[in-house]
Protein backbone atom coordinates (compact mmCIF):
# COMPACT_ATOMS: atom_id res chain seq x y z
CA MET A 1 149.40 77.30 123.52
CA LEU A 2 147.53 79.82 125.61
CA PHE A 3 145.28 81.22 122.87
CA HIS A 4 142.11 80.46 124.81
CA LEU A 5 143.28 82.00 128.08
CA PRO A 6 141.57 85.39 127.48
CA ILE A 7 138.37 83.61 126.46
CA VAL A 8 138.42 81.43 129.57
CA ILE A 9 139.03 84.44 131.80
CA MET A 10 136.21 86.43 130.22
CA ALA A 11 133.88 83.43 130.40
CA THR A 12 134.35 83.16 134.13
CA LEU A 13 133.66 86.87 134.62
CA SER A 14 130.60 87.11 132.38
CA PRO A 15 127.43 88.18 134.22
CA ILE A 16 125.26 87.14 131.27
CA PRO A 17 123.77 83.66 131.51
CA VAL A 18 124.15 81.70 128.28
CA SER A 19 121.85 78.80 127.54
CA ASP A 20 122.05 76.05 124.96
CA GLY A 21 119.84 78.09 122.62
CA VAL A 22 120.85 81.11 120.57
CA PRO A 23 120.33 84.24 122.68
CA THR A 24 117.72 86.81 121.74
CA LEU A 25 119.39 90.18 121.28
CA ASP A 26 117.70 93.58 121.03
CA VAL A 27 119.17 94.54 117.66
CA GLU A 28 116.58 97.26 117.10
CA LYS A 29 118.22 99.26 119.88
CA GLU A 30 121.59 98.85 118.12
CA CYS A 31 120.10 99.90 114.78
CA ARG A 32 118.34 102.92 116.27
CA PHE A 33 121.66 103.95 117.85
CA GLU A 34 123.30 104.02 114.42
CA GLY A 35 120.81 106.71 113.44
CA GLY A 36 120.15 107.91 109.94
CA SER A 37 117.25 107.34 107.62
CA SER A 38 114.69 104.58 107.79
CA GLU A 39 116.57 102.93 104.91
CA ILE A 40 119.71 102.70 107.05
CA TYR A 41 117.68 101.34 109.96
CA ASP A 42 115.98 98.74 107.74
CA ARG A 43 119.31 97.63 106.29
CA CYS A 44 120.78 97.34 109.79
CA VAL A 45 117.88 95.17 110.99
CA ARG A 46 118.14 93.02 107.85
CA ASP A 47 121.91 92.57 108.34
CA GLU A 48 121.41 91.65 112.00
CA ASN A 49 118.69 89.12 111.11
CA ASP A 50 120.98 87.56 108.49
CA ALA A 51 123.75 87.39 111.10
CA ARG A 52 121.37 85.64 113.53
CA LYS A 53 120.95 82.87 110.96
CA GLU A 54 124.73 82.50 110.84
CA VAL A 55 124.85 82.38 114.65
CA GLU A 56 122.28 79.57 114.60
CA ALA A 57 124.62 77.55 112.35
CA LEU A 58 127.68 78.21 114.54
CA TRP A 59 126.07 78.00 117.97
CA SER A 60 125.85 74.23 118.45
CA LYS A 61 129.48 73.78 117.37
CA ALA A 62 130.85 76.38 119.81
CA SER A 63 132.05 75.46 123.28
CA SER A 64 130.18 76.74 126.29
CA ALA A 65 133.12 78.97 127.23
CA ASP A 66 133.24 80.45 123.73
CA ARG A 67 129.47 81.06 123.75
CA THR A 68 129.62 82.84 127.08
CA SER A 69 132.62 84.93 126.12
CA CYS A 70 131.19 85.87 122.73
CA VAL A 71 127.77 86.83 124.10
CA SER A 72 129.52 89.03 126.63
CA GLU A 73 131.57 90.63 123.85
CA ALA A 74 128.57 91.09 121.55
CA THR A 75 126.48 92.75 124.26
CA SER A 76 129.09 95.01 125.84
CA GLY A 77 128.47 98.73 125.96
CA GLY A 78 124.70 98.44 126.34
CA TYR A 79 124.08 97.40 122.75
CA ALA A 80 123.74 93.96 121.22
CA SER A 81 124.77 92.73 117.79
CA TYR A 82 124.49 89.35 116.10
CA ILE A 83 127.15 90.54 113.66
CA GLU A 84 129.60 90.95 116.56
CA LEU A 85 128.53 87.54 117.86
CA VAL A 86 129.20 85.87 114.49
CA ILE A 87 132.65 87.42 114.27
CA CYS A 88 133.55 86.29 117.78
CA LEU A 89 132.25 82.73 117.26
CA GLU A 90 134.11 82.44 113.95
CA MET A 91 137.34 83.65 115.55
CA ALA A 92 136.97 81.20 118.42
CA ARG A 93 136.30 78.38 115.95
CA ASP A 94 139.36 79.30 113.89
CA VAL A 95 141.61 79.48 116.97
CA ALA A 96 140.42 76.06 118.11
CA ALA A 97 141.08 74.60 114.64
CA LEU A 98 144.57 76.13 114.58
CA GLU A 99 145.37 74.78 118.03
CA GLN A 100 144.16 71.33 116.98
CA ARG A 101 146.34 71.38 113.84
CA GLU A 102 149.38 72.50 115.83
CA SER A 103 148.90 69.75 118.41
CA GLN A 104 148.79 66.97 115.79
CA PRO A 105 152.15 65.44 114.85
CA ASN A 106 153.30 66.03 111.30
CA GLN A 107 153.05 62.56 109.83
CA ALA A 108 154.01 63.57 106.29
CA GLY A 109 157.38 64.94 107.38
CA GLY A 110 158.53 61.61 108.81
CA ALA A 111 158.38 59.84 105.42
CA ARG A 112 160.52 62.47 103.71
CA ASP A 113 163.25 62.35 106.35
CA ARG A 114 164.32 58.84 105.39
């Protein structure tokens, strides 16, 4: 299937260099943009820091193309968010798993057809 085509296209167009390590994003800028009280800001920073931990767990399992595409997505519009990065990496992982399942022959069906 062509599920990865948009990711591949975006990966080739991304101006953001992506290394093997988890990128450092300026989440404080994102949280300040959301505005509100210091409680809202603190919660935003805490949520972003929690999301960074999730990114660290997903990062090494993601392909280079998915990393590049997801960093580009998570940093578009002048703001950066680990939460957006987690969502993108999880979606890319799920698409890859679905494609892998679809490409494997159904071995259980052959036994029932007899």
